[in-house]
Amino acid sequence: MMGVLVISSLFAGLLAFQNAASRYLFALGRGGALPAPLSHVNGRGAPSTASLATSVLTGFVIVTFAVFRLDPVLNMFYWFSGLAVVAIVLIEILVCIAVIAFFRRNAGSENVVQTIIAPVLATIGLILGEYLLMSRFGLLAGTVAEGVDPTMSSWGLSPIGWVLVSLPFVLLLVGYLHSLWSHTENEALVKDVLS
């Protein structure tokens, strides 16, 4: 019975991930950050092209790991879960900064604790947490350089560890530069929101 519950919950989690990833690709395609065909939907309104792209990308990752005989748990799971944690904390830091910026431009009835103190404290805590995650990323993701004791030294990452830990920041920079250079259909909306 436990095996059935584990497998069915794993399937439900994977299905939810597929759906969420497809919808992100769909939104990015619709917004002009990714190719426009990703914004196509089927007759029922589901993001079919983005879902297919997600499946192809997932298949590519699985085949690559199989060809290189990498362990799905020790490599794929730890690498991508570590990468996801660093990326999510980075997004949370950006959200805290966005809250501060929003309330500076749109003063309302909120008090100073809600608009400045809480977001600043959250930003400081999240930056500290991000630093700790990144400095011990080798221990978290199993990407420790040879000859390094991850319990005694920080930042002792293998080359794949450095790629994984820096990937969210590289993608953030690429996305920011793309937004500066591209002129999408939502540019007027963004200017209205920021003004």
C-alpha atoms as a PDB file:
ATOM      1  CA  MET A   1       0.000   0.000   0.000  1.00  0.00           C
ATOM      2  CA  MET A   2       2.847   2.394   0.865  1.00  0.00           C
ATOM      3  CA  GLY A   3       4.497   1.755  -2.524  1.00  0.00           C
ATOM      4  CA  VAL A   4       1.258   2.629  -4.340  1.00  0.00           C
ATOM      5  CA  LEU A   5       0.903   5.846  -2.336  1.00  0.00           C
ATOM      6  CA  VAL A   6       4.525   6.861  -2.994  1.00  0.00           C
ATOM      7  CA  ILE A   7       4.274   6.183  -6.746  1.00  0.00           C
ATOM      8  CA  SER A   8       0.886   7.906  -7.111  1.00  0.00           C
ATOM      9  CA  SER A   9       2.046  10.979  -5.162  1.00  0.00           C
ATOM     10  CA  LEU A  10       5.244  11.105  -7.216  1.00  0.00           C
ATOM     11  CA  PHE A  11       3.160  10.962 -10.403  1.00  0.00           C
ATOM     12  CA  ALA A  12       0.898  13.752  -9.107  1.00  0.00           C
ATOM     13  CA  GLY A  13       3.946  15.879  -8.267  1.00  0.00           C
ATOM     14  CA  LEU A  14       5.465  15.324 -11.707  1.00  0.00           C
ATOM     15  CA  LEU A  15       2.161  16.157 -13.381  1.00  0.00           C
ATOM     16  CA  ALA A  16       1.931  19.387 -11.369  1.00  0.00           C
ATOM     17  CA  PHE A  17       5.518  20.269 -12.316  1.00  0.00           C
ATOM     18  CA  GLN A  18       4.792  19.607 -16.011  1.00  0.00           C
ATOM     19  CA  ASN A  19       1.714  21.822 -15.817  1.00  0.00           C
ATOM     20  CA  ALA A  20       3.516  24.656 -13.995  1.00  0.00           C
ATOM     21  CA  ALA A  21       6.519  24.576 -16.350  1.00  0.00           C
ATOM     22  CA  SER A  22       4.228  24.577 -19.388  1.00  0.00           C
ATOM     23  CA  ARG A  23       2.308  27.563 -18.099  1.00  0.00           C
ATOM     24  CA  TYR A  24       5.531  29.490 -17.397  1.00  0.00           C
ATOM     25  CA  LEU A  25       6.760  28.817 -20.938  1.00  0.00           C
ATOM     26  CA  PHE A  26       3.335  29.824 -22.264  1.00  0.00           C
ATOM     27  CA  ALA A  27       3.386  33.110 -20.323  1.00  0.00           C
ATOM     28  CA  LEU A  28       6.960  33.868 -21.394  1.00  0.00           C
ATOM     29  CA  GLY A  29       6.047  33.138 -25.018  1.00  0.00           C
ATOM     30  CA  ARG A  30       2.985  35.347 -24.786  1.00  0.00           C
ATOM     31  CA  GLY A  31       5.021  38.131 -23.185  1.00  0.00           C
ATOM     32  CA  GLY A  32       7.695  38.055 -25.873  1.00  0.00           C
ATOM     33  CA  ALA A  33      10.532  36.787 -23.678  1.00  0.00           C
ATOM     34  CA  LEU A  34      10.520  33.396 -25.459  1.00  0.00           C
ATOM     35  CA  PRO A  35       9.476  32.472 -29.010  1.00  0.00           C
ATOM     36  CA  ALA A  36       5.836  33.330 -29.776  1.00  0.00           C
ATOM     37  CA  PRO A  37       4.793  29.778 -30.813  1.00  0.00           C
ATOM     38  CA  LEU A  38       5.006  28.806 -27.129  1.00  0.00           C
ATOM     39  CA  SER A  39       1.913  30.954 -26.569  1.00  0.00           C
ATOM     40  CA  HIS A  40      -0.304  28.744 -28.746  1.00  0.00           C
ATOM     41  CA  VAL A  41      -3.153  26.905 -27.072  1.00  0.00           C
ATOM     42  CA  ASN A  42      -5.263  23.935 -28.148  1.00  0.00           C
ATOM     43  CA  GLY A  43      -9.058  23.902 -28.581  1.00  0.00           C
ATOM     44  CA  ARG A  44      -9.614  23.626 -24.826  1.00  0.00           C
ATOM     45  CA  GLY A  45      -7.292  26.542 -24.020  1.00  0.00           C
ATOM     46  CA  ALA A  46      -4.404  24.447 -22.682  1.00  0.00           C
ATOM     47  CA  PRO A  47      -0.862  25.573 -23.572  1.00  0.00           C
ATOM     48  CA  SER A  48      -0.212  22.624 -25.890  1.00  0.00           C
ATOM     49  CA  THR A  49       2.956  23.893 -27.596  1.00  0.00           C
ATOM     50  CA  ALA A  50       4.547  24.874 -24.288  1.00  0.00           C
ATOM     51  CA  SER A  51       3.589  21.489 -22.848  1.00  0.00           C
ATOM     52  CA  LEU A  52       5.199  19.720 -25.790  1.00  0.00           C
ATOM     53  CA  ALA A  53       8.336  21.868 -25.385  1.00  0.00           C
ATOM     54  CA  THR A  54       8.459  20.974 -21.680  1.00  0.00           C
ATOM     55  CA  SER A  55       8.154  17.265 -22.533  1.00  0.00           C
ATOM     56  CA  VAL A  56      10.917  17.487 -25.147  1.00  0.00           C
ATOM     57  CA  LEU A  57      13.227  19.335 -22.740  1.00  0.00           C
ATOM     58  CA  THR A  58      12.486  16.825 -19.974  1.00  0.00           C
ATOM     59  CA  GLY A  59      13.159  13.934 -22.360  1.00  0.00           C
ATOM     60  CA  PHE A  60      16.447  15.534 -23.419  1.00  0.00           C
ATOM     61  CA  VAL A  61      17.576  15.834 -19.792  1.00  0.00           C
ATOM     62  CA  ILE A  62      16.606  12.222 -19.041  1.00  0.00           C
ATOM     63  CA  VAL A  63      18.373  10.884 -22.141  1.00  0.00           C
ATOM     64  CA  THR A  64      21.491  12.964 -21.380  1.00  0.00           C
ATOM     65  CA  PHE A  65      21.654  11.605 -17.844  1.00  0.00           C
ATOM     66  CA  ALA A  66      21.137   8.061 -19.139  1.00  0.00           C
ATOM     67  CA  VAL A  67      23.854   8.391 -21.819  1.00  0.00           C
ATOM     68  CA  PHE A  68      26.390   9.706 -19.317  1.00  0.00           C
ATOM     69  CA  ARG A  69      25.271   7.106 -16.751  1.00  0.00           C
ATOM     70  CA  LEU A  70      24.578   9.701 -14.088  1.00  0.00           C
ATOM     71  CA  ASP A  71      22.623   8.594 -11.049  1.00  0.00           C
ATOM     72  CA  PRO A  72      19.084  10.061 -11.138  1.00  0.00           C
ATOM     73  CA  VAL A  73      19.039  10.609  -7.370  1.00  0.00           C
ATOM     74  CA  LEU A  74      22.653  11.495  -6.571  1.00  0.00           C
ATOM     75  CA  ASN A  75      23.046  13.712  -9.623  1.00  0.00           C
ATOM     76  CA  MET A  76      19.789  14.844 -11.199  1.00  0.00           C
ATOM     77  CA  PHE A  77      17.694  15.181  -8.042  1.00  0.00           C
ATOM     78  CA  TYR A  78      20.361  16.805  -5.857  1.00  0.00           C
ATOM     79  CA  TRP A  79      21.680  19.075  -8.628  1.00  0.00           C
ATOM     80  CA  PHE A  80      18.292  20.403  -9.687  1.00  0.00           C
ATOM     81  CA  SER A  81      16.792  20.638  -6.210  1.00  0.00           C
ATOM     82  CA  GLY A  82      19.849  22.609  -5.071  1.00  0.00           C
ATOM     83  CA  LEU A  83      19.579  24.822  -8.150  1.00  0.00           C
ATOM     84  CA  ALA A  84      15.865  25.326  -7.505  1.00  0.00           C
ATOM     85  CA  VAL A  85      16.437  26.391  -3.891  1.00  0.00           C
ATOM     86  CA  VAL A  86      19.046  28.999  -4.897  1.00  0.00           C
ATOM     87  CA  ALA A  87      16.750  30.296  -7.662  1.00  0.00           C
ATOM     88  CA  ILE A  88      13.664  30.479  -5.414  1.00  0.00           C
ATOM     89  CA  VAL A  89      15.510  32.377  -2.683  1.00  0.00           C
ATOM     90  CA  LEU A  90      16.833  34.794  -5.339  1.00  0.00           C
ATOM     91  CA  ILE A  91      13.263  35.354  -6.555  1.00  0.00           C
ATOM     92  CA  GLU A  92      12.106  35.954  -2.969  1.00  0.00           C
ATOM     93  CA  ILE A  93      14.849  38.587  -2.530  1.00  0.00           C
ATOM     94  CA  LEU A  94      13.697  40.309  -5.714  1.00  0.00           C
ATOM     95  CA  VAL A  95      10.079  40.222  -4.514  1.00  0.00           C
ATOM     96  CA  CYS A  96      11.060  41.910  -1.241  1.00  0.00           C
ATOM     97  CA  ILE A  97      12.871  44.640  -3.183  1.00  0.00           C
ATOM     98  CA  ALA A  98       9.840  44.991  -5.469  1.00  0.00           C
ATOM     99  CA  VAL A  99       7.561  45.440  -2.447  1.00  0.00           C
ATOM    100  CA  ILE A 100       9.749  48.278  -1.156  1.00  0.00           C
ATOM    101  CA  ALA A 101       9.874  49.915  -4.611  1.00  0.00           C
ATOM    102  CA  PHE A 102       6.121  49.542  -5.121  1.00  0.00           C
ATOM    103  CA  PHE A 103       5.163  51.197  -1.849  1.00  0.00           C
ATOM    104  CA  ARG A 104       7.666  54.024  -2.388  1.00  0.00           C
ATOM    105  CA  ARG A 105       5.880  54.849  -5.650  1.00  0.00           C
ATOM    106  CA  ASN A 106       2.345  54.084  -4.445  1.00  0.00           C
ATOM    107  CA  ALA A 107       1.942  55.356  -0.917  1.00  0.00           C
ATOM    108  CA  GLY A 108      -1.267  54.147   0.648  1.00  0.00           C
ATOM    109  CA  SER A 109      -2.729  53.579   4.084  1.00  0.00           C
ATOM    110  CA  GLU A 110      -0.142  50.898   4.921  1.00  0.00           C
ATOM    111  CA  ASN A 111       2.177  51.569   7.844  1.00  0.00           C
ATOM    112  CA  VAL A 112       5.982  51.772   7.802  1.00  0.00           C
ATOM    113  CA  VAL A 113       6.337  48.242   9.189  1.00  0.00           C
ATOM    114  CA  GLN A 114       4.461  46.775   6.212  1.00  0.00           C
ATOM    115  CA  THR A 115       6.079  48.929   3.554  1.00  0.00           C
ATOM    116  CA  ILE A 116       9.712  49.248   4.667  1.00  0.00           C
ATOM    117  CA  ILE A 117      10.747  47.508   7.889  1.00  0.00           C
ATOM    118  CA  ALA A 118       9.345  44.013   7.199  1.00  0.00           C
ATOM    119  CA  PRO A 119      10.541  43.867   3.559  1.00  0.00           C
ATOM    120  CA  VAL A 120      14.015  45.193   4.509  1.00  0.00           C
ATOM    121  CA  LEU A 121      14.368  42.639   7.330  1.00  0.00           C
ATOM    122  CA  ALA A 122      13.143  39.885   5.000  1.00  0.00           C
ATOM    123  CA  THR A 123      15.625  40.976   2.329  1.00  0.00           C
ATOM    124  CA  ILE A 124      18.521  40.917   4.799  1.00  0.00           C
ATOM    125  CA  GLY A 125      17.520  37.473   6.090  1.00  0.00           C
ATOM    126  CA  LEU A 126      17.073  36.081   2.595  1.00  0.00           C
ATOM    127  CA  ILE A 127      20.425  37.472   1.413  1.00  0.00           C
ATOM    128  CA  LEU A 128      22.106  35.831   4.408  1.00  0.00           C
ATOM    129  CA  GLY A 129      20.276  32.581   3.667  1.00  0.00           C
ATOM    130  CA  GLU A 130      21.257  32.769  -0.013  1.00  0.00           C
ATOM    131  CA  TYR A 131      24.894  33.295   0.926  1.00  0.00           C
ATOM    132  CA  LEU A 132      24.821  30.293   3.251  1.00  0.00           C
ATOM    133  CA  LEU A 133      23.118  28.145   0.595  1.00  0.00           C
ATOM    134  CA  MET A 134      25.616  29.141  -2.062  1.00  0.00           C
ATOM    135  CA  SER A 135      28.686  28.809   0.151  1.00  0.00           C
ATOM    136  CA  ARG A 136      27.686  25.244   1.068  1.00  0.00           C
ATOM    137  CA  PHE A 137      26.131  24.387  -2.293  1.00  0.00           C
ATOM    138  CA  GLY A 138      28.563  21.511  -2.784  1.00  0.00           C
ATOM    139  CA  LEU A 139      27.216  19.854   0.348  1.00  0.00           C
ATOM    140  CA  LEU A 140      23.602  20.564  -0.667  1.00  0.00           C
ATOM    141  CA  ALA A 141      23.872  19.394  -4.279  1.00  0.00           C
ATOM    142  CA  GLY A 142      26.679  16.867  -4.059  1.00  0.00           C
ATOM    143  CA  THR A 143      28.982  18.974  -6.253  1.00  0.00           C
ATOM    144  CA  VAL A 144      32.033  19.172  -4.013  1.00  0.00           C
ATOM    145  CA  ALA A 145      35.432  19.510  -5.666  1.00  0.00           C
ATOM    146  CA  GLU A 146      37.802  16.581  -5.250  1.00  0.00           C
ATOM    147  CA  GLY A 147      39.830  16.688  -2.071  1.00  0.00           C
ATOM    148  CA  VAL A 148      37.578  19.248  -0.370  1.00  0.00           C
ATOM    149  CA  ASP A 149      35.832  18.486   2.909  1.00  0.00           C
ATOM    150  CA  PRO A 150      32.477  20.303   2.533  1.00  0.00           C
ATOM    151  CA  THR A 151      31.878  20.286   6.281  1.00  0.00           C
ATOM    152  CA  MET A 152      35.086  22.216   6.933  1.00  0.00           C
ATOM    153  CA  SER A 153      35.383  24.604   3.986  1.00  0.00           C
ATOM    154  CA  SER A 154      32.924  26.665   2.020  1.00  0.00           C
ATOM    155  CA  TRP A 155      32.841  27.394  -1.709  1.00  0.00           C
ATOM    156  CA  GLY A 156      34.699  24.146  -2.541  1.00  0.00           C
ATOM    157  CA  LEU A 157      32.652  23.452  -5.668  1.00  0.00           C
ATOM    158  CA  SER A 158      33.343  21.267  -8.654  1.00  0.00           C
ATOM    159  CA  PRO A 159      32.978  22.854 -12.117  1.00  0.00           C
ATOM    160  CA  ILE A 160      29.370  21.602 -12.409  1.00  0.00           C
ATOM    161  CA  GLY A 161      28.721  23.066  -8.950  1.00  0.00           C
ATOM    162  CA  TRP A 162      29.928  26.498 -10.078  1.00  0.00           C
ATOM    163  CA  VAL A 163      27.731  26.283 -13.187  1.00  0.00           C
ATOM    164  CA  LEU A 164      24.658  25.310 -11.170  1.00  0.00           C
ATOM    165  CA  VAL A 165      25.131  27.881  -8.403  1.00  0.00           C
ATOM    166  CA  SER A 166      25.686  30.731 -10.881  1.00  0.00           C
ATOM    167  CA  LEU A 167      22.950  29.740 -13.362  1.00  0.00           C
ATOM    168  CA  PRO A 168      20.076  31.657 -11.659  1.00  0.00           C
ATOM    169  CA  PHE A 169      22.161  34.843 -11.618  1.00  0.00           C
ATOM    170  CA  VAL A 170      23.244  34.429 -15.233  1.00  0.00           C
ATOM    171  CA  LEU A 171      19.639  33.890 -16.303  1.00  0.00           C
ATOM    172  CA  LEU A 172      18.552  36.930 -14.287  1.00  0.00           C
ATOM    173  CA  LEU A 173      21.166  39.039 -16.077  1.00  0.00           C
ATOM    174  CA  VAL A 174      20.190  37.650 -19.494  1.00  0.00           C
ATOM    175  CA  GLY A 175      16.518  38.331 -18.760  1.00  0.00           C
ATOM    176  CA  TYR A 176      17.271  41.858 -17.626  1.00  0.00           C
ATOM    177  CA  LEU A 177      19.366  42.590 -20.734  1.00  0.00           C
ATOM    178  CA  HIS A 178      16.661  41.051 -22.927  1.00  0.00           C
ATOM    179  CA  SER A 179      14.079  43.343 -21.354  1.00  0.00           C
ATOM    180  CA  LEU A 180      16.285  46.370 -22.046  1.00  0.00           C
ATOM    181  CA  TRP A 181      16.850  45.490 -25.698  1.00  0.00           C
ATOM    182  CA  SER A 182      13.496  44.033 -26.674  1.00  0.00           C
ATOM    183  CA  HIS A 183      10.355  45.949 -27.432  1.00  0.00           C
ATOM    184  CA  THR A 184       7.442  43.703 -26.616  1.00  0.00           C
ATOM    185  CA  GLU A 185       3.727  44.281 -26.804  1.00  0.00           C
ATOM    186  CA  ASN A 186       3.652  44.695 -23.002  1.00  0.00           C
ATOM    187  CA  GLU A 187       6.103  47.599 -22.901  1.00  0.00           C
ATOM    188  CA  ALA A 188       3.335  50.202 -22.529  1.00  0.00           C
ATOM    189  CA  LEU A 189       1.732  48.177 -19.735  1.00  0.00           C
ATOM    190  CA  VAL A 190       5.030  47.954 -17.857  1.00  0.00           C
ATOM    191  CA  LYS A 191       5.544  51.723 -18.148  1.00  0.00           C
ATOM    192  CA  ASP A 192       2.013  52.341 -16.835  1.00  0.00           C
ATOM    193  CA  VAL A 193       2.601  50.051 -13.867  1.00  0.00           C
ATOM    194  CA  LEU A 194       5.929  51.664 -12.973  1.00  0.00           C
ATOM    195  CA  SER A 195       4.722  55.249 -13.270  1.00  0.00           C
END
